[in-house]
Amino acid sequence: MAGLADVPVGSGALVDIGGDGQLLLVRPSESEVRAFNPACPHQGTTVNPPAGGTISCPTHRSAFDPATGAVLSGPSPRGLAEVAVTVSGPDVVLS
């Protein structure tokens, strides 16, 4: 799905997953990679990768925790949906 080197520590990247759309990969630490559905639960806008310690929605400025996907500020009614991924050698793959 993506190379581990393509996901900077403390940041993240939107990656295409074929006909299934995109995932937001985030790397809160050197040893941890998490994935979220990048559609903001408020109105479905694709969120931005983490910057300044938060994932943000460009439409109405909802903010999410990059380590958990939890909503930090609204109007989003809930956090981002997590998608299970694992690191396999140099790659991040769907679990």
C-alpha atoms as a PDB file:
ATOM      1  CA  MET A   1       0.000   0.000   0.000  1.00  0.00           C
ATOM      2  CA  ALA A   2       2.805   2.435   0.958  1.00  0.00           C
ATOM      3  CA  GLY A   3       6.431   2.469   1.929  1.00  0.00           C
ATOM      4  CA  LEU A   4       7.203   3.179   5.581  1.00  0.00           C
ATOM      5  CA  ALA A   5       9.707   5.793   4.395  1.00  0.00           C
ATOM      6  CA  ASP A   6       6.818   7.659   2.698  1.00  0.00           C
ATOM      7  CA  VAL A   7       5.183   8.348   6.081  1.00  0.00           C
ATOM      8  CA  PRO A   8       7.297  10.872   8.009  1.00  0.00           C
ATOM      9  CA  VAL A   9       7.543  10.521  11.797  1.00  0.00           C
ATOM     10  CA  GLY A  10       5.250  13.098  13.402  1.00  0.00           C
ATOM     11  CA  SER A  11       3.289  13.557  10.196  1.00  0.00           C
ATOM     12  CA  GLY A  12       1.422  11.493   7.668  1.00  0.00           C
ATOM     13  CA  ALA A  13       0.390  10.987   4.074  1.00  0.00           C
ATOM     14  CA  LEU A  14      -2.730  10.360   2.038  1.00  0.00           C
ATOM     15  CA  VAL A  15      -2.295   7.163   0.019  1.00  0.00           C
ATOM     16  CA  ASP A  16      -4.416   5.690  -2.754  1.00  0.00           C
ATOM     17  CA  ILE A  17      -5.712   2.178  -2.156  1.00  0.00           C
ATOM     18  CA  GLY A  18      -6.853   1.403  -5.656  1.00  0.00           C
ATOM     19  CA  GLY A  19     -10.557   1.466  -6.415  1.00  0.00           C
ATOM     20  CA  ASP A  20     -11.299   1.751  -2.694  1.00  0.00           C
ATOM     21  CA  GLY A  21     -10.249   5.420  -2.434  1.00  0.00           C
ATOM     22  CA  GLN A  22      -7.665   6.731  -0.003  1.00  0.00           C
ATOM     23  CA  LEU A  23      -6.357   6.220   3.518  1.00  0.00           C
ATOM     24  CA  LEU A  24      -4.624   8.684   5.767  1.00  0.00           C
ATOM     25  CA  LEU A  25      -1.498   7.072   7.190  1.00  0.00           C
ATOM     26  CA  VAL A  26       0.005   8.742  10.253  1.00  0.00           C
ATOM     27  CA  ARG A  27       3.203   7.985  12.095  1.00  0.00           C
ATOM     28  CA  PRO A  28       3.015   9.311  15.660  1.00  0.00           C
ATOM     29  CA  SER A  29       6.385   7.727  16.522  1.00  0.00           C
ATOM     30  CA  GLU A  30       9.222   5.855  14.856  1.00  0.00           C
ATOM     31  CA  SER A  31       7.652   2.497  15.714  1.00  0.00           C
ATOM     32  CA  GLU A  32       3.938   3.259  15.228  1.00  0.00           C
ATOM     33  CA  VAL A  33       1.848   3.673  12.076  1.00  0.00           C
ATOM     34  CA  ARG A  34      -1.917   4.131  12.130  1.00  0.00           C
ATOM     35  CA  ALA A  35      -4.450   4.534   9.342  1.00  0.00           C
ATOM     36  CA  PHE A  36      -7.746   6.379   9.189  1.00  0.00           C
ATOM     37  CA  ASN A  37     -10.529   6.858   6.712  1.00  0.00           C
ATOM     38  CA  PRO A  38      -9.735  10.438   5.610  1.00  0.00           C
ATOM     39  CA  ALA A  39     -13.392  11.452   5.179  1.00  0.00           C
ATOM     40  CA  CYS A  40     -14.369  13.972   7.855  1.00  0.00           C
ATOM     41  CA  PRO A  41     -17.407  12.568   9.712  1.00  0.00           C
ATOM     42  CA  HIS A  42     -19.071  16.006   9.517  1.00  0.00           C
ATOM     43  CA  GLN A  43     -19.590  16.296   5.750  1.00  0.00           C
ATOM     44  CA  GLY A  44     -17.171  13.872   4.114  1.00  0.00           C
ATOM     45  CA  THR A  45     -14.412  16.293   3.088  1.00  0.00           C
ATOM     46  CA  THR A  46     -10.953  14.703   2.853  1.00  0.00           C
ATOM     47  CA  VAL A  47      -8.924  15.814   5.857  1.00  0.00           C
ATOM     48  CA  ASN A  48      -5.351  17.088   5.650  1.00  0.00           C
ATOM     49  CA  PRO A  49      -2.387  15.048   6.892  1.00  0.00           C
ATOM     50  CA  PRO A  50      -1.151  16.071  10.351  1.00  0.00           C
ATOM     51  CA  ALA A  51       0.443  19.500  10.715  1.00  0.00           C
ATOM     52  CA  GLY A  52       1.158  21.337  13.932  1.00  0.00           C
ATOM     53  CA  GLY A  53       0.037  18.354  16.006  1.00  0.00           C
ATOM     54  CA  THR A  54      -3.451  17.900  14.512  1.00  0.00           C
ATOM     55  CA  ILE A  55      -5.264  16.472  11.534  1.00  0.00           C
ATOM     56  CA  SER A  56      -7.605  19.153  10.224  1.00  0.00           C
ATOM     57  CA  CYS A  57     -10.587  19.351   7.924  1.00  0.00           C
ATOM     58  CA  PRO A  58     -10.223  22.196   5.423  1.00  0.00           C
ATOM     59  CA  THR A  59     -13.985  22.781   5.116  1.00  0.00           C
ATOM     60  CA  HIS A  60     -15.142  23.591   8.647  1.00  0.00           C
ATOM     61  CA  ARG A  61     -11.894  23.233  10.640  1.00  0.00           C
ATOM     62  CA  SER A  62     -12.704  20.146  12.673  1.00  0.00           C
ATOM     63  CA  ALA A  63      -9.508  18.922  14.324  1.00  0.00           C
ATOM     64  CA  PHE A  64      -8.480  15.359  15.128  1.00  0.00           C
ATOM     65  CA  ASP A  65      -5.750  13.733  17.225  1.00  0.00           C
ATOM     66  CA  PRO A  66      -3.198  12.163  14.847  1.00  0.00           C
ATOM     67  CA  ALA A  67      -2.390   9.336  17.277  1.00  0.00           C
ATOM     68  CA  THR A  68      -5.990   8.209  17.840  1.00  0.00           C
ATOM     69  CA  GLY A  69      -8.230   9.942  15.286  1.00  0.00           C
ATOM     70  CA  ALA A  70     -10.345  11.307  18.160  1.00  0.00           C
ATOM     71  CA  VAL A  71     -12.139  14.594  17.516  1.00  0.00           C
ATOM     72  CA  LEU A  72     -10.443  17.494  19.317  1.00  0.00           C
ATOM     73  CA  SER A  73     -12.806  20.210  18.138  1.00  0.00           C
ATOM     74  CA  GLY A  74     -15.938  20.255  15.994  1.00  0.00           C
ATOM     75  CA  PRO A  75     -18.217  20.541  14.252  1.00  0.00           C
ATOM     76  CA  SER A  76     -17.422  16.869  13.555  1.00  0.00           C
ATOM     77  CA  PRO A  77     -19.644  14.708  15.769  1.00  0.00           C
ATOM     78  CA  ARG A  78     -17.037  11.942  16.142  1.00  0.00           C
ATOM     79  CA  GLY A  79     -13.465  10.969  15.382  1.00  0.00           C
ATOM     80  CA  LEU A  80     -11.978   9.476  12.245  1.00  0.00           C
ATOM     81  CA  ALA A  81     -12.613   5.783  11.617  1.00  0.00           C
ATOM     82  CA  GLU A  82      -9.450   3.739  12.122  1.00  0.00           C
ATOM     83  CA  VAL A  83      -8.395   1.126   9.571  1.00  0.00           C
ATOM     84  CA  ALA A  84      -6.131  -1.747  10.651  1.00  0.00           C
ATOM     85  CA  VAL A  85      -2.639  -1.694   9.118  1.00  0.00           C
ATOM     86  CA  THR A  86       0.643  -3.382   9.940  1.00  0.00           C
ATOM     87  CA  VAL A  87       4.268  -2.802   9.054  1.00  0.00           C
ATOM     88  CA  SER A  88       5.755  -5.604   6.991  1.00  0.00           C
ATOM     89  CA  GLY A  89       9.443  -4.942   6.421  1.00  0.00           C
ATOM     90  CA  PRO A  90       9.716  -1.617   4.575  1.00  0.00           C
ATOM     91  CA  ASP A  91       5.979  -1.478   3.747  1.00  0.00           C
ATOM     92  CA  VAL A  92       2.708  -0.515   5.408  1.00  0.00           C
ATOM     93  CA  VAL A  93      -0.037  -2.983   4.445  1.00  0.00           C
ATOM     94  CA  LEU A  94      -3.708  -3.499   5.273  1.00  0.00           C
ATOM     95  CA  SER A  95      -4.169  -6.019   8.071  1.00  0.00           C
END
